[in-house]
Amino acid sequence: MRNFFKKIIFPLFKIGFDKYYKKPRKYTYESIEVLVHPEVFPPHFTISTKILLDFLKPLDLNNKLFLELGCGSGIISLFAASKKAIVTASDINKVAIDALKKASIQNNLKLTILYSDLFDKIKQQTFDYIIINPPFYPKTPQNDKERAWFCGGNFEYFEKLFMQIPQYIAPNIWMILSEDCEIEYIKKLAIKNGLTFELILEKSVILEKNYIFKIKKSI
């Protein structure tokens, strides 16, 4: 069934998906609303954003230091801020950064918004929570929009991420990955940098399994 979906249904879905995102589209979670630009990762049909939002919903984030690394639309960062977290949101896409600045004003929520390639421009500190919804398809991105989907032909995104994470290790570093990505290879890249994955949630939505992993230092 899943193979049928990927071979037959998915190409048709992608045509409609591309047409839908030719103009900015609103996305709402709880009382938070963002306008998602066509150049920014879309949370509407991509499943992972909603899974993370639902996962964060019951948590007490009051006065917690919270980093969303690669924030895209910023809906997760805004939701965390609405739960009284002290939020830093970063992205390499300037369109995403500019849109999030406007959304923070419109939603009357305060957060720090940084233009940064992974941790490059983030002050070294210990966060309580770091949330990562990474690109994972092994292909070289040609522009900022593609950076939300493609991690580089040799998984360069993960190579750099796992090299930097030990300097920012937090009690809770959570990354979401799909069964469609090369999870075992990504785990091996983490191990090279003294990191391990602990599975904390498995969620199936529309024939696709997604996993939230906690990233920790190896003992």
C-alpha atoms as a PDB file:
ATOM      1  CA  MET A   1       0.000   0.000   0.000  1.00  0.00           C
ATOM      2  CA  ARG A   2       2.780   2.397   0.923  1.00  0.00           C
ATOM      3  CA  ASN A   3       4.706   1.622  -2.284  1.00  0.00           C
ATOM      4  CA  PHE A   4       1.522   2.273  -4.284  1.00  0.00           C
ATOM      5  CA  PHE A   5       1.120   5.628  -2.568  1.00  0.00           C
ATOM      6  CA  LYS A   6       4.721   6.639  -3.257  1.00  0.00           C
ATOM      7  CA  LYS A   7       4.684   5.573  -6.910  1.00  0.00           C
ATOM      8  CA  ILE A   8       1.169   6.566  -7.984  1.00  0.00           C
ATOM      9  CA  ILE A   9      -0.480   8.905  -5.508  1.00  0.00           C
ATOM     10  CA  PHE A  10       2.550  10.919  -4.404  1.00  0.00           C
ATOM     11  CA  PRO A  11       3.393  12.339  -7.879  1.00  0.00           C
ATOM     12  CA  LEU A  12      -0.215  13.525  -8.237  1.00  0.00           C
ATOM     13  CA  PHE A  13      -0.141  14.940  -4.717  1.00  0.00           C
ATOM     14  CA  LYS A  14       3.066  16.831  -5.489  1.00  0.00           C
ATOM     15  CA  ILE A  15       1.475  18.549  -8.502  1.00  0.00           C
ATOM     16  CA  GLY A  16      -1.368  19.816  -6.333  1.00  0.00           C
ATOM     17  CA  PHE A  17       1.070  20.651  -3.521  1.00  0.00           C
ATOM     18  CA  ASP A  18       3.210  22.816  -5.819  1.00  0.00           C
ATOM     19  CA  LYS A  19       0.173  24.672  -7.157  1.00  0.00           C
ATOM     20  CA  TYR A  20      -1.186  25.290  -3.665  1.00  0.00           C
ATOM     21  CA  TYR A  21       2.082  26.848  -2.499  1.00  0.00           C
ATOM     22  CA  LYS A  22       2.517  29.308  -5.361  1.00  0.00           C
ATOM     23  CA  LYS A  23       1.305  32.019  -2.983  1.00  0.00           C
ATOM     24  CA  PRO A  24       1.581  32.563   0.784  1.00  0.00           C
ATOM     25  CA  ARG A  25      -0.738  30.381   2.849  1.00  0.00           C
ATOM     26  CA  LYS A  26      -1.943  30.767   6.430  1.00  0.00           C
ATOM     27  CA  TYR A  27      -1.219  28.057   8.960  1.00  0.00           C
ATOM     28  CA  THR A  28      -2.798  28.004  12.408  1.00  0.00           C
ATOM     29  CA  TYR A  29      -2.143  25.988  15.534  1.00  0.00           C
ATOM     30  CA  GLU A  30      -4.165  26.714  18.653  1.00  0.00           C
ATOM     31  CA  SER A  31      -4.399  30.532  18.563  1.00  0.00           C
ATOM     32  CA  ILE A  32      -1.097  31.036  16.710  1.00  0.00           C
ATOM     33  CA  GLU A  33      -1.227  32.016  13.037  1.00  0.00           C
ATOM     34  CA  VAL A  34       1.597  32.412  10.524  1.00  0.00           C
ATOM     35  CA  LEU A  35       1.658  33.283   6.841  1.00  0.00           C
ATOM     36  CA  VAL A  36       3.898  30.744   5.111  1.00  0.00           C
ATOM     37  CA  HIS A  37       5.793  32.097   2.112  1.00  0.00           C
ATOM     38  CA  PRO A  38       6.286  29.796  -0.929  1.00  0.00           C
ATOM     39  CA  GLU A  39      10.053  29.907  -0.284  1.00  0.00           C
ATOM     40  CA  VAL A  40       9.661  28.529   3.244  1.00  0.00           C
ATOM     41  CA  PHE A  41       9.156  24.943   4.471  1.00  0.00           C
ATOM     42  CA  PRO A  42       5.375  24.341   4.510  1.00  0.00           C
ATOM     43  CA  PRO A  43       3.841  22.846   7.660  1.00  0.00           C
ATOM     44  CA  HIS A  44       0.393  22.288   6.167  1.00  0.00           C
ATOM     45  CA  PHE A  45       0.804  18.808   4.654  1.00  0.00           C
ATOM     46  CA  THR A  46       4.269  17.742   5.785  1.00  0.00           C
ATOM     47  CA  ILE A  47       3.158  16.085   9.063  1.00  0.00           C
ATOM     48  CA  SER A  48       6.365  16.608  11.063  1.00  0.00           C
ATOM     49  CA  THR A  49       5.547  20.134  12.276  1.00  0.00           C
ATOM     50  CA  LYS A  50       2.136  19.098  13.643  1.00  0.00           C
ATOM     51  CA  ILE A  51       3.673  16.076  15.374  1.00  0.00           C
ATOM     52  CA  LEU A  52       6.200  18.303  17.141  1.00  0.00           C
ATOM     53  CA  LEU A  53       3.555  20.855  18.107  1.00  0.00           C
ATOM     54  CA  ASP A  54       1.346  18.167  19.616  1.00  0.00           C
ATOM     55  CA  PHE A  55       4.365  16.708  21.410  1.00  0.00           C
ATOM     56  CA  LEU A  56       5.218  20.087  22.970  1.00  0.00           C
ATOM     57  CA  LYS A  57       1.636  20.960  23.899  1.00  0.00           C
ATOM     58  CA  PRO A  58       1.472  19.232  27.323  1.00  0.00           C
ATOM     59  CA  LEU A  59       4.939  20.368  28.432  1.00  0.00           C
ATOM     60  CA  ASP A  60       5.557  23.058  31.022  1.00  0.00           C
ATOM     61  CA  LEU A  61       7.857  25.440  29.134  1.00  0.00           C
ATOM     62  CA  ASN A  62       7.509  28.370  31.506  1.00  0.00           C
ATOM     63  CA  ASN A  63      10.838  30.238  31.708  1.00  0.00           C
ATOM     64  CA  LYS A  64      12.674  27.441  29.873  1.00  0.00           C
ATOM     65  CA  LEU A  65      15.442  28.283  27.398  1.00  0.00           C
ATOM     66  CA  PHE A  66      14.142  26.975  24.075  1.00  0.00           C
ATOM     67  CA  LEU A  67      15.897  26.854  20.700  1.00  0.00           C
ATOM     68  CA  GLU A  68      14.286  25.894  17.412  1.00  0.00           C
ATOM     69  CA  LEU A  69      17.156  25.216  15.044  1.00  0.00           C
ATOM     70  CA  GLY A  70      15.940  25.796  11.492  1.00  0.00           C
ATOM     71  CA  CYS A  71      12.587  27.314  12.399  1.00  0.00           C
ATOM     72  CA  GLY A  72      11.039  27.671   8.925  1.00  0.00           C
ATOM     73  CA  SER A  73       7.593  29.228   9.399  1.00  0.00           C
ATOM     74  CA  GLY A  74       8.363  29.664  13.097  1.00  0.00           C
ATOM     75  CA  ILE A  75       5.054  28.216  14.283  1.00  0.00           C
ATOM     76  CA  ILE A  76       6.832  25.943  16.781  1.00  0.00           C
ATOM     77  CA  SER A  77       8.863  28.829  18.203  1.00  0.00           C
ATOM     78  CA  LEU A  78       5.787  31.024  18.476  1.00  0.00           C
ATOM     79  CA  PHE A  79       3.847  28.263  20.202  1.00  0.00           C
ATOM     80  CA  ALA A  80       6.693  27.746  22.684  1.00  0.00           C
ATOM     81  CA  ALA A  81       6.742  31.503  23.338  1.00  0.00           C
ATOM     82  CA  SER A  82       2.980  31.399  23.982  1.00  0.00           C
ATOM     83  CA  LYS A  83       3.756  28.808  26.676  1.00  0.00           C
ATOM     84  CA  LYS A  84       6.121  31.352  28.292  1.00  0.00           C
ATOM     85  CA  ALA A  85       9.386  29.801  27.098  1.00  0.00           C
ATOM     86  CA  ILE A  86      12.398  32.042  26.478  1.00  0.00           C
ATOM     87  CA  VAL A  87      12.705  31.328  22.766  1.00  0.00           C
ATOM     88  CA  THR A  88      15.465  31.600  20.195  1.00  0.00           C
ATOM     89  CA  ALA A  89      14.492  30.779  16.602  1.00  0.00           C
ATOM     90  CA  SER A  90      17.093  30.457  13.852  1.00  0.00           C
ATOM     91  CA  ASP A  91      17.081  29.769  10.133  1.00  0.00           C
ATOM     92  CA  ILE A  92      19.362  30.103   7.107  1.00  0.00           C
ATOM     93  CA  ASN A  93      16.459  31.348   4.965  1.00  0.00           C
ATOM     94  CA  LYS A  94      16.148  35.158   5.190  1.00  0.00           C
ATOM     95  CA  VAL A  95      12.600  35.014   3.812  1.00  0.00           C
ATOM     96  CA  ALA A  96      11.655  32.794   6.761  1.00  0.00           C
ATOM     97  CA  ILE A  97      13.393  35.113   9.214  1.00  0.00           C
ATOM     98  CA  ASP A  98      11.634  38.223   7.902  1.00  0.00           C
ATOM     99  CA  ALA A  99       8.235  36.480   7.935  1.00  0.00           C
ATOM    100  CA  LEU A 100       8.728  35.261  11.506  1.00  0.00           C
ATOM    101  CA  LYS A 101       9.589  38.758  12.698  1.00  0.00           C
ATOM    102  CA  LYS A 102       6.245  39.958  11.316  1.00  0.00           C
ATOM    103  CA  ALA A 103       4.409  36.959  12.775  1.00  0.00           C
ATOM    104  CA  SER A 104       5.865  37.582  16.235  1.00  0.00           C
ATOM    105  CA  ILE A 105       4.451  41.113  16.178  1.00  0.00           C
ATOM    106  CA  GLN A 106       1.071  39.995  14.830  1.00  0.00           C
ATOM    107  CA  ASN A 107       0.808  37.284  17.499  1.00  0.00           C
ATOM    108  CA  ASN A 108       2.132  39.621  20.197  1.00  0.00           C
ATOM    109  CA  LEU A 109       4.846  37.169  21.183  1.00  0.00           C
ATOM    110  CA  LYS A 110       8.442  37.951  22.082  1.00  0.00           C
ATOM    111  CA  LEU A 111      11.349  35.812  20.883  1.00  0.00           C
ATOM    112  CA  THR A 112      14.912  36.153  19.606  1.00  0.00           C
ATOM    113  CA  ILE A 113      15.129  35.562  15.858  1.00  0.00           C
ATOM    114  CA  LEU A 114      18.526  34.856  14.287  1.00  0.00           C
ATOM    115  CA  TYR A 115      19.812  34.346  10.770  1.00  0.00           C
ATOM    116  CA  SER A 116      22.204  31.445  11.237  1.00  0.00           C
ATOM    117  CA  ASP A 117      23.540  28.368   9.477  1.00  0.00           C
ATOM    118  CA  LEU A 118      22.904  25.810  12.228  1.00  0.00           C
ATOM    119  CA  PHE A 119      24.739  27.045  15.362  1.00  0.00           C
ATOM    120  CA  ASP A 120      27.126  29.437  13.574  1.00  0.00           C
ATOM    121  CA  LYS A 121      25.562  32.662  14.928  1.00  0.00           C
ATOM    122  CA  ILE A 122      24.122  31.259  18.148  1.00  0.00           C
ATOM    123  CA  LYS A 123      25.853  32.231  21.366  1.00  0.00           C
ATOM    124  CA  GLN A 124      27.282  29.210  23.137  1.00  0.00           C
ATOM    125  CA  GLN A 125      24.975  28.411  26.041  1.00  0.00           C
ATOM    126  CA  THR A 126      22.985  25.578  27.565  1.00  0.00           C
ATOM    127  CA  PHE A 127      19.367  25.444  26.422  1.00  0.00           C
ATOM    128  CA  ASP A 128      16.705  23.449  28.208  1.00  0.00           C
ATOM    129  CA  TYR A 129      15.195  22.382  24.890  1.00  0.00           C
ATOM    130  CA  ILE A 130      16.544  22.233  21.344  1.00  0.00           C
ATOM    131  CA  ILE A 131      14.081  21.251  18.621  1.00  0.00           C
ATOM    132  CA  ILE A 132      15.259  20.155  15.152  1.00  0.00           C
ATOM    133  CA  ASN A 133      13.121  19.290  12.127  1.00  0.00           C
ATOM    134  CA  PRO A 134      15.966  18.695   9.668  1.00  0.00           C
ATOM    135  CA  PRO A 135      16.265  18.317   5.915  1.00  0.00           C
ATOM    136  CA  PHE A 136      17.135  14.700   5.216  1.00  0.00           C
ATOM    137  CA  TYR A 137      17.035  13.932   1.491  1.00  0.00           C
ATOM    138  CA  PRO A 138      20.612  13.344   0.207  1.00  0.00           C
ATOM    139  CA  LYS A 139      20.916  15.914  -2.538  1.00  0.00           C
ATOM    140  CA  THR A 140      22.786  19.202  -2.847  1.00  0.00           C
ATOM    141  CA  PRO A 141      20.367  22.130  -2.352  1.00  0.00           C
ATOM    142  CA  GLN A 142      20.459  24.802  -5.042  1.00  0.00           C
ATOM    143  CA  ASN A 143      18.827  27.605  -3.030  1.00  0.00           C
ATOM    144  CA  ASP A 144      17.492  28.449   0.427  1.00  0.00           C
ATOM    145  CA  LYS A 145      14.106  26.881  -0.276  1.00  0.00           C
ATOM    146  CA  GLU A 146      15.756  23.543  -1.094  1.00  0.00           C
ATOM    147  CA  ARG A 147      17.825  23.686   2.100  1.00  0.00           C
ATOM    148  CA  ALA A 148      14.626  22.833   3.971  1.00  0.00           C
ATOM    149  CA  TRP A 149      14.460  19.506   2.119  1.00  0.00           C
ATOM    150  CA  PHE A 150      17.975  18.458   1.071  1.00  0.00           C
ATOM    151  CA  CYS A 151      20.848  17.759   3.475  1.00  0.00           C
ATOM    152  CA  GLY A 152      23.617  17.625   0.850  1.00  0.00           C
ATOM    153  CA  GLY A 153      24.789  14.811  -1.368  1.00  0.00           C
ATOM    154  CA  ASN A 154      27.028  13.501   1.412  1.00  0.00           C
ATOM    155  CA  PHE A 155      24.758  14.452   4.317  1.00  0.00           C
ATOM    156  CA  GLU A 156      26.795  17.583   4.981  1.00  0.00           C
ATOM    157  CA  TYR A 157      23.985  19.094   7.046  1.00  0.00           C
ATOM    158  CA  PHE A 158      24.190  16.262   9.571  1.00  0.00           C
ATOM    159  CA  GLU A 159      27.992  16.193   9.549  1.00  0.00           C
ATOM    160  CA  LYS A 160      28.061  19.852  10.619  1.00  0.00           C
ATOM    161  CA  LEU A 161      25.114  19.549  13.014  1.00  0.00           C
ATOM    162  CA  PHE A 162      26.604  16.643  14.944  1.00  0.00           C
ATOM    163  CA  MET A 163      29.988  18.328  15.069  1.00  0.00           C
ATOM    164  CA  GLN A 164      28.435  21.445  16.670  1.00  0.00           C
ATOM    165  CA  ILE A 165      25.861  19.895  19.021  1.00  0.00           C
ATOM    166  CA  PRO A 166      28.320  18.777  21.761  1.00  0.00           C
ATOM    167  CA  GLN A 167      29.087  22.462  22.416  1.00  0.00           C
ATOM    168  CA  TYR A 168      25.390  23.143  23.072  1.00  0.00           C
ATOM    169  CA  ILE A 169      24.322  19.887  24.697  1.00  0.00           C
ATOM    170  CA  ALA A 170      20.959  20.307  26.430  1.00  0.00           C
ATOM    171  CA  PRO A 171      18.814  18.148  28.732  1.00  0.00           C
ATOM    172  CA  ASN A 172      16.385  17.757  25.852  1.00  0.00           C
ATOM    173  CA  ILE A 173      17.550  17.794  22.215  1.00  0.00           C
ATOM    174  CA  TRP A 174      14.766  16.419  20.043  1.00  0.00           C
ATOM    175  CA  MET A 175      14.959  15.651  16.336  1.00  0.00           C
ATOM    176  CA  ILE A 176      12.153  14.337  14.163  1.00  0.00           C
ATOM    177  CA  LEU A 177      12.904  12.016  11.242  1.00  0.00           C
ATOM    178  CA  SER A 178      10.733  10.163   8.736  1.00  0.00           C
ATOM    179  CA  GLU A 179      10.999   6.520   7.820  1.00  0.00           C
ATOM    180  CA  ASP A 180      11.701   7.810   4.295  1.00  0.00           C
ATOM    181  CA  CYS A 181      15.165   9.012   5.298  1.00  0.00           C
ATOM    182  CA  GLU A 182      18.330   7.006   5.908  1.00  0.00           C
ATOM    183  CA  ILE A 183      17.979   6.893   9.680  1.00  0.00           C
ATOM    184  CA  GLU A 184      20.659   4.292  10.337  1.00  0.00           C
ATOM    185  CA  TYR A 185      23.238   6.220   8.334  1.00  0.00           C
ATOM    186  CA  ILE A 186      22.315   9.436  10.163  1.00  0.00           C
ATOM    187  CA  LYS A 187      22.767   7.603  13.466  1.00  0.00           C
ATOM    188  CA  LYS A 188      26.260   6.525  12.375  1.00  0.00           C
ATOM    189  CA  LEU A 189      27.173  10.147  11.679  1.00  0.00           C
ATOM    190  CA  ALA A 190      26.014  11.038  15.191  1.00  0.00           C
ATOM    191  CA  ILE A 191      28.075   8.229  16.732  1.00  0.00           C
ATOM    192  CA  LYS A 192      31.195   9.626  15.025  1.00  0.00           C
ATOM    193  CA  ASN A 193      30.742  12.742  17.173  1.00  0.00           C
ATOM    194  CA  GLY A 194      30.042  10.933  20.426  1.00  0.00           C
ATOM    195  CA  LEU A 195      26.252  11.189  20.203  1.00  0.00           C
ATOM    196  CA  THR A 196      23.476   8.613  20.480  1.00  0.00           C
ATOM    197  CA  PHE A 197      19.786   8.525  19.552  1.00  0.00           C
ATOM    198  CA  GLU A 198      17.029   7.491  21.974  1.00  0.00           C
ATOM    199  CA  LEU A 199      13.584   6.913  20.464  1.00  0.00           C
ATOM    200  CA  ILE A 200      10.923   8.744  22.487  1.00  0.00           C
ATOM    201  CA  LEU A 201       7.963   8.812  20.072  1.00  0.00           C
ATOM    202  CA  GLU A 202       6.801   6.896  17.027  1.00  0.00           C
ATOM    203  CA  LYS A 203       3.832   8.293  15.120  1.00  0.00           C
ATOM    204  CA  SER A 204       2.176   7.024  11.946  1.00  0.00           C
ATOM    205  CA  VAL A 205       0.234   9.508   9.818  1.00  0.00           C
ATOM    206  CA  ILE A 206      -1.055   8.799   6.299  1.00  0.00           C
ATOM    207  CA  LEU A 207       1.045   5.655   5.768  1.00  0.00           C
ATOM    208  CA  GLU A 208       4.223   7.377   6.967  1.00  0.00           C
ATOM    209  CA  LYS A 209       6.015   6.722  10.237  1.00  0.00           C
ATOM    210  CA  ASN A 210       7.780   9.599  11.945  1.00  0.00           C
ATOM    211  CA  TYR A 211      10.125   9.280  14.898  1.00  0.00           C
ATOM    212  CA  ILE A 212      11.178  11.785  17.532  1.00  0.00           C
ATOM    213  CA  PHE A 213      14.638  11.001  18.844  1.00  0.00           C
ATOM    214  CA  LYS A 214      16.388  12.426  21.869  1.00  0.00           C
ATOM    215  CA  ILE A 215      20.029  13.177  21.081  1.00  0.00           C
ATOM    216  CA  LYS A 216      22.449  12.554  23.923  1.00  0.00           C
ATOM    217  CA  LYS A 217      26.167  12.303  24.517  1.00  0.00           C
ATOM    218  CA  SER A 218      27.479   8.765  24.506  1.00  0.00           C
ATOM    219  CA  ILE A 219      28.302   7.479  27.973  1.00  0.00           C
END
